[in-house]
Amino acid sequence: EDINSSSLCVVHCHEGEVKVQLDSEYALTIKLVEAGTAAAAAATTSTTEDEDQADNSSSYSGSQSPERLGVLCRALLLRAQFVYHEHCMKTRAGAMSLRNTNGGSGPLAVQSPRILQNCVGLGSKMLLERKVRSTVKHISNWIKNDLKSGDTLQVEWVPYTLFDSHSQFALSVGDKFCIDVTIDGDGLSVISLGGDGSEEGGGDFRSVKFGSAMEFELFLKFEVKRRMLEASLNR
């Protein structure tokens, strides 16, 4: 499934190299190289990365460790290869179909494989998902240690693969409220159900969107405090 990105934040584009913003913290640089030199360049880059990680094994670049950034880059490279291969297969199938139906006459409409859009969308989603997972863990500790609440935060992730265009999970705090969260690219949407989500439970329905894990954390803290206050007043 292609990741459709309505717009890209391009930092610069020059001589086969383009740099785009993944989120407020990280940017992705993609450079076109000749097929014959790609393997050698990859081997040199891998050796340089291993040496850098050995020298700075405990250093972090922003919120992500060098190891996680390395995994991200390899995943995006593999995603680009998958997209290009799928594009070639569809183009070949289209050419064969045209040859069988029209005897090979007529133009073949070839669409762009949208490799850059796919890489940016997947990279943004992977970065945001990692931050959201850390946020959820922080909120769980906050409820237990700071609020001294007996309510337990529970999370259930939908088992998508690494290369899926989005991630989803359900989050609940005791019987106070539950939400469904979808991470897509550099944003996330939340569907909130009050109470137990049923009409008998008096649950209210809301759908909101956030652009960062920090906004999501503030939302969760506000909701938890509000629901606890409502529960104490209704006793």
C-alpha atoms as a PDB file:
ATOM      1  CA  GLU A   1       0.000   0.000   0.000  1.00  0.00           C
ATOM      2  CA  ASP A   2       1.391   3.353  -1.006  1.00  0.00           C
ATOM      3  CA  ILE A   3       1.784   6.045   1.583  1.00  0.00           C
ATOM      4  CA  ASN A   4       0.122   9.124   0.167  1.00  0.00           C
ATOM      5  CA  SER A   5       1.752  12.307   1.314  1.00  0.00           C
ATOM      6  CA  SER A   6      -0.076  15.501   0.433  1.00  0.00           C
ATOM      7  CA  SER A   7       3.066  17.600   0.754  1.00  0.00           C
ATOM      8  CA  LEU A   8       6.772  17.246   1.418  1.00  0.00           C
ATOM      9  CA  CYS A   9       8.927  19.692   3.339  1.00  0.00           C
ATOM     10  CA  VAL A  10      11.946  19.903   1.022  1.00  0.00           C
ATOM     11  CA  VAL A  11      15.036  21.436   2.627  1.00  0.00           C
ATOM     12  CA  HIS A  12      17.159  21.382  -0.521  1.00  0.00           C
ATOM     13  CA  CYS A  13      17.354  19.623  -3.879  1.00  0.00           C
ATOM     14  CA  HIS A  14      20.547  19.719  -5.931  1.00  0.00           C
ATOM     15  CA  GLU A  15      22.287  17.427  -8.461  1.00  0.00           C
ATOM     16  CA  GLY A  16      20.552  14.151  -7.656  1.00  0.00           C
ATOM     17  CA  GLU A  17      20.340  14.811  -3.922  1.00  0.00           C
ATOM     18  CA  VAL A  18      17.216  15.821  -2.018  1.00  0.00           C
ATOM     19  CA  LYS A  19      16.822  16.542   1.683  1.00  0.00           C
ATOM     20  CA  VAL A  20      13.345  16.421   3.218  1.00  0.00           C
ATOM     21  CA  GLN A  21      12.094  16.937   6.753  1.00  0.00           C
ATOM     22  CA  LEU A  22      10.720  13.838   8.508  1.00  0.00           C
ATOM     23  CA  ASP A  23       9.607  15.642  11.665  1.00  0.00           C
ATOM     24  CA  SER A  24      10.627  18.623  13.761  1.00  0.00           C
ATOM     25  CA  GLU A  25      13.783  16.796  14.844  1.00  0.00           C
ATOM     26  CA  TYR A  26      15.104  14.748  11.930  1.00  0.00           C
ATOM     27  CA  ALA A  27      15.612  15.182   8.184  1.00  0.00           C
ATOM     28  CA  LEU A  28      16.206  12.555   5.504  1.00  0.00           C
ATOM     29  CA  THR A  29      18.769  12.970   2.712  1.00  0.00           C
ATOM     30  CA  ILE A  30      18.407  10.799  -0.393  1.00  0.00           C
ATOM     31  CA  LYS A  31      21.096  10.730  -3.056  1.00  0.00           C
ATOM     32  CA  LEU A  32      20.961   9.003  -6.448  1.00  0.00           C
ATOM     33  CA  VAL A  33      24.041   6.939  -7.341  1.00  0.00           C
ATOM     34  CA  GLU A  34      24.955   4.817 -10.344  1.00  0.00           C
ATOM     35  CA  ALA A  35      23.956   1.165 -10.085  1.00  0.00           C
ATOM     36  CA  GLY A  36      27.539  -0.028 -10.474  1.00  0.00           C
ATOM     37  CA  THR A  37      28.783   2.043  -7.537  1.00  0.00           C
ATOM     38  CA  ALA A  38      25.841   1.455  -5.202  1.00  0.00           C
ATOM     39  CA  ALA A  39      27.245  -1.714  -3.590  1.00  0.00           C
ATOM     40  CA  ALA A  40      30.663  -0.152  -2.962  1.00  0.00           C
ATOM     41  CA  ALA A  41      29.102   2.995  -1.542  1.00  0.00           C
ATOM     42  CA  ALA A  42      26.870   0.941   0.754  1.00  0.00           C
ATOM     43  CA  ALA A  43      29.844  -1.074   2.033  1.00  0.00           C
ATOM     44  CA  THR A  44      31.844   2.093   2.712  1.00  0.00           C
ATOM     45  CA  THR A  45      28.885   3.702   4.496  1.00  0.00           C
ATOM     46  CA  SER A  46      28.324   0.592   6.616  1.00  0.00           C
ATOM     47  CA  THR A  47      31.982   0.507   7.672  1.00  0.00           C
ATOM     48  CA  THR A  48      31.927   4.198   8.559  1.00  0.00           C
ATOM     49  CA  GLU A  49      28.729   3.760  10.588  1.00  0.00           C
ATOM     50  CA  ASP A  50      30.204   0.829  12.527  1.00  0.00           C
ATOM     51  CA  GLU A  51      33.317   2.872  13.368  1.00  0.00           C
ATOM     52  CA  ASP A  52      31.221   5.868  14.427  1.00  0.00           C
ATOM     53  CA  GLN A  53      29.010   3.720  16.641  1.00  0.00           C
ATOM     54  CA  ALA A  54      32.056   2.119  18.239  1.00  0.00           C
ATOM     55  CA  ASP A  55      33.464   5.549  19.084  1.00  0.00           C
ATOM     56  CA  ASN A  56      30.123   6.981  20.239  1.00  0.00           C
ATOM     57  CA  SER A  57      28.275   3.935  21.546  1.00  0.00           C
ATOM     58  CA  SER A  58      26.645   5.891  24.372  1.00  0.00           C
ATOM     59  CA  SER A  59      25.911   9.100  22.463  1.00  0.00           C
ATOM     60  CA  TYR A  60      22.453  10.056  21.222  1.00  0.00           C
ATOM     61  CA  SER A  61      21.520  12.205  18.259  1.00  0.00           C
ATOM     62  CA  GLY A  62      18.369  13.884  19.535  1.00  0.00           C
ATOM     63  CA  SER A  63      15.733  11.570  20.990  1.00  0.00           C
ATOM     64  CA  GLN A  64      16.915   8.488  19.064  1.00  0.00           C
ATOM     65  CA  SER A  65      20.028   6.406  19.569  1.00  0.00           C
ATOM     66  CA  PRO A  66      22.525   5.892  16.705  1.00  0.00           C
ATOM     67  CA  GLU A  67      21.461   2.239  16.557  1.00  0.00           C
ATOM     68  CA  ARG A  68      17.793   3.142  16.060  1.00  0.00           C
ATOM     69  CA  LEU A  69      18.670   5.707  13.418  1.00  0.00           C
ATOM     70  CA  GLY A  70      20.723   3.064  11.614  1.00  0.00           C
ATOM     71  CA  VAL A  71      17.756   0.673  11.680  1.00  0.00           C
ATOM     72  CA  LEU A  72      15.523   3.462  10.371  1.00  0.00           C
ATOM     73  CA  CYS A  73      17.832   4.198   7.427  1.00  0.00           C
ATOM     74  CA  ARG A  74      18.111   0.534   6.479  1.00  0.00           C
ATOM     75  CA  ALA A  75      14.339   0.108   6.699  1.00  0.00           C
ATOM     76  CA  LEU A  76      13.771   3.101   4.419  1.00  0.00           C
ATOM     77  CA  LEU A  77      16.324   1.797   1.908  1.00  0.00           C
ATOM     78  CA  LEU A  78      14.594  -1.578   1.878  1.00  0.00           C
ATOM     79  CA  ARG A  79      11.215   0.133   1.505  1.00  0.00           C
ATOM     80  CA  ALA A  80      12.514   2.072  -1.510  1.00  0.00           C
ATOM     81  CA  GLN A  81      13.687  -1.177  -3.101  1.00  0.00           C
ATOM     82  CA  PHE A  82      10.295  -2.812  -2.494  1.00  0.00           C
ATOM     83  CA  VAL A  83       8.426   0.132  -4.014  1.00  0.00           C
ATOM     84  CA  TYR A  84      10.651   0.220  -7.083  1.00  0.00           C
ATOM     85  CA  HIS A  85      10.398  -3.551  -7.586  1.00  0.00           C
ATOM     86  CA  GLU A  86       6.600  -3.425  -7.289  1.00  0.00           C
ATOM     87  CA  HIS A  87       6.533  -0.528  -9.766  1.00  0.00           C
ATOM     88  CA  CYS A  88       8.635  -2.501 -12.273  1.00  0.00           C
ATOM     89  CA  MET A  89       6.398  -5.551 -11.936  1.00  0.00           C
ATOM     90  CA  LYS A  90       3.244  -3.498 -12.516  1.00  0.00           C
ATOM     91  CA  THR A  91       4.829  -1.743 -15.515  1.00  0.00           C
ATOM     92  CA  ARG A  92       5.872  -5.067 -17.026  1.00  0.00           C
ATOM     93  CA  ALA A  93       2.398  -6.530 -16.460  1.00  0.00           C
ATOM     94  CA  GLY A  94       0.847  -3.460 -18.088  1.00  0.00           C
ATOM     95  CA  ALA A  95       3.110  -3.795 -21.114  1.00  0.00           C
ATOM     96  CA  MET A  96       2.240  -7.464 -21.514  1.00  0.00           C
ATOM     97  CA  SER A  97      -1.475  -6.722 -21.230  1.00  0.00           C
ATOM     98  CA  LEU A  98      -1.187  -3.977 -23.845  1.00  0.00           C
ATOM     99  CA  ARG A  99       0.693  -6.293 -26.187  1.00  0.00           C
ATOM    100  CA  ASN A 100      -1.923  -9.025 -25.812  1.00  0.00           C
ATOM    101  CA  THR A 101      -4.934  -6.750 -26.336  1.00  0.00           C
ATOM    102  CA  ASN A 102      -3.698  -4.212 -28.896  1.00  0.00           C
ATOM    103  CA  GLY A 103      -0.843  -6.042 -30.510  1.00  0.00           C
ATOM    104  CA  GLY A 104       1.661  -3.772 -28.800  1.00  0.00           C
ATOM    105  CA  SER A 105       0.269  -0.590 -30.350  1.00  0.00           C
ATOM    106  CA  GLY A 106      -0.581   2.513 -28.382  1.00  0.00           C
ATOM    107  CA  PRO A 107       1.220   4.331 -25.570  1.00  0.00           C
ATOM    108  CA  LEU A 108       1.722   2.761 -22.164  1.00  0.00           C
ATOM    109  CA  ALA A 109       0.810   5.074 -19.301  1.00  0.00           C
ATOM    110  CA  VAL A 110       3.534   4.755 -16.664  1.00  0.00           C
ATOM    111  CA  GLN A 111       2.966   6.330 -13.264  1.00  0.00           C
ATOM    112  CA  SER A 112       5.665   7.474 -10.884  1.00  0.00           C
ATOM    113  CA  PRO A 113       6.602   4.893  -8.201  1.00  0.00           C
ATOM    114  CA  ARG A 114       6.439   7.670  -5.553  1.00  0.00           C
ATOM    115  CA  ILE A 115       9.534   6.335  -3.791  1.00  0.00           C
ATOM    116  CA  LEU A 116      10.277   9.592  -1.984  1.00  0.00           C
ATOM    117  CA  GLN A 117       6.734   9.947  -0.661  1.00  0.00           C
ATOM    118  CA  ASN A 118       6.761   6.358   0.576  1.00  0.00           C
ATOM    119  CA  CYS A 119      10.095   6.763   2.360  1.00  0.00           C
ATOM    120  CA  VAL A 120       9.097  10.041   4.006  1.00  0.00           C
ATOM    121  CA  GLY A 121       5.750   8.678   5.128  1.00  0.00           C
ATOM    122  CA  LEU A 122       7.249   5.505   6.576  1.00  0.00           C
ATOM    123  CA  GLY A 123      10.154   7.331   8.223  1.00  0.00           C
ATOM    124  CA  SER A 124       7.847   9.864   9.862  1.00  0.00           C
ATOM    125  CA  LYS A 125       5.568   7.103  11.116  1.00  0.00           C
ATOM    126  CA  MET A 126       8.450   5.088  12.590  1.00  0.00           C
ATOM    127  CA  LEU A 127       9.856   8.110  14.430  1.00  0.00           C
ATOM    128  CA  LEU A 128       6.471   9.174  15.785  1.00  0.00           C
ATOM    129  CA  GLU A 129       5.553   5.639  16.837  1.00  0.00           C
ATOM    130  CA  ARG A 130       8.766   5.328  18.859  1.00  0.00           C
ATOM    131  CA  LYS A 131       8.018   8.618  20.620  1.00  0.00           C
ATOM    132  CA  VAL A 132       4.399   7.621  21.268  1.00  0.00           C
ATOM    133  CA  ARG A 133       5.504   4.331  22.825  1.00  0.00           C
ATOM    134  CA  SER A 134       7.789   6.257  25.177  1.00  0.00           C
ATOM    135  CA  THR A 135       4.935   8.650  25.979  1.00  0.00           C
ATOM    136  CA  VAL A 136       2.581   5.808  26.857  1.00  0.00           C
ATOM    137  CA  LYS A 137       5.180   4.298  29.183  1.00  0.00           C
ATOM    138  CA  HIS A 138       5.729   7.680  30.838  1.00  0.00           C
ATOM    139  CA  ILE A 139       1.976   8.199  31.342  1.00  0.00           C
ATOM    140  CA  SER A 140       1.639   4.749  32.906  1.00  0.00           C
ATOM    141  CA  ASN A 141       4.356   5.571  35.456  1.00  0.00           C
ATOM    142  CA  TRP A 142       2.810   9.009  36.045  1.00  0.00           C
ATOM    143  CA  ILE A 143      -0.582   7.490  36.900  1.00  0.00           C
ATOM    144  CA  LYS A 144       0.976   4.973  39.268  1.00  0.00           C
ATOM    145  CA  ASN A 145       3.633   7.092  40.981  1.00  0.00           C
ATOM    146  CA  ASP A 146       2.380  10.697  40.823  1.00  0.00           C
ATOM    147  CA  LEU A 147      -1.391  10.304  40.950  1.00  0.00           C
ATOM    148  CA  LYS A 148      -1.207   7.277  43.263  1.00  0.00           C
ATOM    149  CA  SER A 149      -4.112   5.793  41.364  1.00  0.00           C
ATOM    150  CA  GLY A 150      -5.168   2.177  41.369  1.00  0.00           C
ATOM    151  CA  ASP A 151      -6.272   2.448  37.753  1.00  0.00           C
ATOM    152  CA  THR A 152      -4.042   0.624  35.317  1.00  0.00           C
ATOM    153  CA  LEU A 153      -3.145   1.893  31.865  1.00  0.00           C
ATOM    154  CA  GLN A 154      -3.490  -0.867  29.298  1.00  0.00           C
ATOM    155  CA  VAL A 155      -2.348  -0.777  25.661  1.00  0.00           C
ATOM    156  CA  GLU A 156      -3.006  -3.238  22.859  1.00  0.00           C
ATOM    157  CA  TRP A 157      -1.225  -2.692  19.546  1.00  0.00           C
ATOM    158  CA  VAL A 158      -2.608  -3.973  16.255  1.00  0.00           C
ATOM    159  CA  PRO A 159       0.024  -6.387  14.854  1.00  0.00           C
ATOM    160  CA  TYR A 160       0.953  -4.527  11.678  1.00  0.00           C
ATOM    161  CA  THR A 161       4.319  -5.091  10.008  1.00  0.00           C
ATOM    162  CA  LEU A 162       7.183  -2.598  10.103  1.00  0.00           C
ATOM    163  CA  PHE A 163       6.494  -1.495   6.518  1.00  0.00           C
ATOM    164  CA  ASP A 164       2.773  -0.826   6.926  1.00  0.00           C
ATOM    165  CA  SER A 165       1.768   2.752   6.225  1.00  0.00           C
ATOM    166  CA  HIS A 166       0.227   3.263   9.665  1.00  0.00           C
ATOM    167  CA  SER A 167       0.096   1.904  13.217  1.00  0.00           C
ATOM    168  CA  GLN A 168      -2.899   1.499  15.504  1.00  0.00           C
ATOM    169  CA  PHE A 169      -3.463   0.737  19.150  1.00  0.00           C
ATOM    170  CA  ALA A 170      -6.170   0.867  21.800  1.00  0.00           C
ATOM    171  CA  LEU A 171      -5.482   2.505  25.163  1.00  0.00           C
ATOM    172  CA  SER A 172      -7.614   2.410  28.291  1.00  0.00           C
ATOM    173  CA  VAL A 173      -7.252   3.664  31.857  1.00  0.00           C
ATOM    174  CA  GLY A 174      -9.272   1.534  34.244  1.00  0.00           C
ATOM    175  CA  ASP A 175     -12.952   2.051  33.492  1.00  0.00           C
ATOM    176  CA  LYS A 176     -12.471   5.806  33.113  1.00  0.00           C
ATOM    177  CA  PHE A 177     -12.055   6.010  29.347  1.00  0.00           C
ATOM    178  CA  CYS A 178     -10.647   4.274  26.293  1.00  0.00           C
ATOM    179  CA  ILE A 179      -9.250   5.612  23.031  1.00  0.00           C
ATOM    180  CA  ASP A 180      -8.338   4.241  19.617  1.00  0.00           C
ATOM    181  CA  VAL A 181      -5.183   5.796  18.184  1.00  0.00           C
ATOM    182  CA  THR A 182      -3.958   5.729  14.581  1.00  0.00           C
ATOM    183  CA  ILE A 183      -0.450   6.890  13.638  1.00  0.00           C
ATOM    184  CA  ASP A 184      -0.160   7.860   9.990  1.00  0.00           C
ATOM    185  CA  GLY A 185       2.973   9.613   8.754  1.00  0.00           C
ATOM    186  CA  ASP A 186       3.876  12.528  11.006  1.00  0.00           C
ATOM    187  CA  GLY A 187       0.460  12.817  12.676  1.00  0.00           C
ATOM    188  CA  LEU A 188      -1.877  10.791  14.827  1.00  0.00           C
ATOM    189  CA  SER A 189      -5.645  10.737  15.246  1.00  0.00           C
ATOM    190  CA  VAL A 190      -7.511   9.770  18.389  1.00  0.00           C
ATOM    191  CA  ILE A 191     -11.047   8.482  18.747  1.00  0.00           C
ATOM    192  CA  SER A 192     -12.102   8.896  22.359  1.00  0.00           C
ATOM    193  CA  LEU A 193     -14.895   6.962  24.076  1.00  0.00           C
ATOM    194  CA  GLY A 194     -15.912   8.025  27.564  1.00  0.00           C
ATOM    195  CA  GLY A 195     -16.829   5.510  30.232  1.00  0.00           C
ATOM    196  CA  ASP A 196     -16.801   1.989  28.851  1.00  0.00           C
ATOM    197  CA  GLY A 197     -17.687   3.219  25.373  1.00  0.00           C
ATOM    198  CA  SER A 198     -21.317   2.092  25.541  1.00  0.00           C
ATOM    199  CA  GLU A 199     -24.487   4.169  25.509  1.00  0.00           C
ATOM    200  CA  GLU A 200     -25.459   2.747  28.913  1.00  0.00           C
ATOM    201  CA  GLY A 201     -22.135   3.924  30.282  1.00  0.00           C
ATOM    202  CA  GLY A 202     -22.816   7.440  29.121  1.00  0.00           C
ATOM    203  CA  GLY A 203     -19.750   7.439  26.904  1.00  0.00           C
ATOM    204  CA  ASP A 204     -19.129  10.491  24.725  1.00  0.00           C
ATOM    205  CA  PHE A 205     -17.497  10.284  21.306  1.00  0.00           C
ATOM    206  CA  ARG A 206     -14.752  12.599  20.069  1.00  0.00           C
ATOM    207  CA  SER A 207     -12.243  12.512  17.254  1.00  0.00           C
ATOM    208  CA  VAL A 208      -9.146  14.721  17.429  1.00  0.00           C
ATOM    209  CA  LYS A 209      -5.814  14.952  15.622  1.00  0.00           C
ATOM    210  CA  PHE A 210      -2.344  15.695  16.982  1.00  0.00           C
ATOM    211  CA  GLY A 211       0.933  16.556  15.291  1.00  0.00           C
ATOM    212  CA  SER A 212       3.390  15.381  17.943  1.00  0.00           C
ATOM    213  CA  ALA A 213       3.855  12.981  20.844  1.00  0.00           C
ATOM    214  CA  MET A 214       4.038  15.944  23.226  1.00  0.00           C
ATOM    215  CA  GLU A 215       0.544  17.092  22.258  1.00  0.00           C
ATOM    216  CA  PHE A 216      -0.679  13.527  22.727  1.00  0.00           C
ATOM    217  CA  GLU A 217       0.885  13.374  26.200  1.00  0.00           C
ATOM    218  CA  LEU A 218      -0.800  16.606  27.279  1.00  0.00           C
ATOM    219  CA  PHE A 219      -4.115  15.269  26.004  1.00  0.00           C
ATOM    220  CA  LEU A 220      -3.730  12.034  27.980  1.00  0.00           C
ATOM    221  CA  LYS A 221      -2.836  13.837  31.207  1.00  0.00           C
ATOM    222  CA  PHE A 222      -5.799  16.171  30.845  1.00  0.00           C
ATOM    223  CA  GLU A 223      -8.196  13.313  30.117  1.00  0.00           C
ATOM    224  CA  VAL A 224      -6.964  11.179  33.023  1.00  0.00           C
ATOM    225  CA  LYS A 225      -7.312  14.044  35.508  1.00  0.00           C
ATOM    226  CA  ARG A 226     -10.724  15.028  34.148  1.00  0.00           C
ATOM    227  CA  ARG A 227     -12.094  11.509  34.293  1.00  0.00           C
ATOM    228  CA  MET A 228     -10.775  10.977  37.822  1.00  0.00           C
ATOM    229  CA  LEU A 229     -12.357  14.235  38.960  1.00  0.00           C
ATOM    230  CA  GLU A 230     -15.697  13.249  37.419  1.00  0.00           C
ATOM    231  CA  ALA A 231     -15.513   9.853  39.103  1.00  0.00           C
ATOM    232  CA  SER A 232     -14.832  11.407  42.528  1.00  0.00           C
ATOM    233  CA  LEU A 233     -17.745  13.852  42.178  1.00  0.00           C
ATOM    234  CA  ASN A 234     -20.154  11.096  41.190  1.00  0.00           C
ATOM    235  CA  ARG A 235     -19.447   8.978  44.247  1.00  0.00           C
END
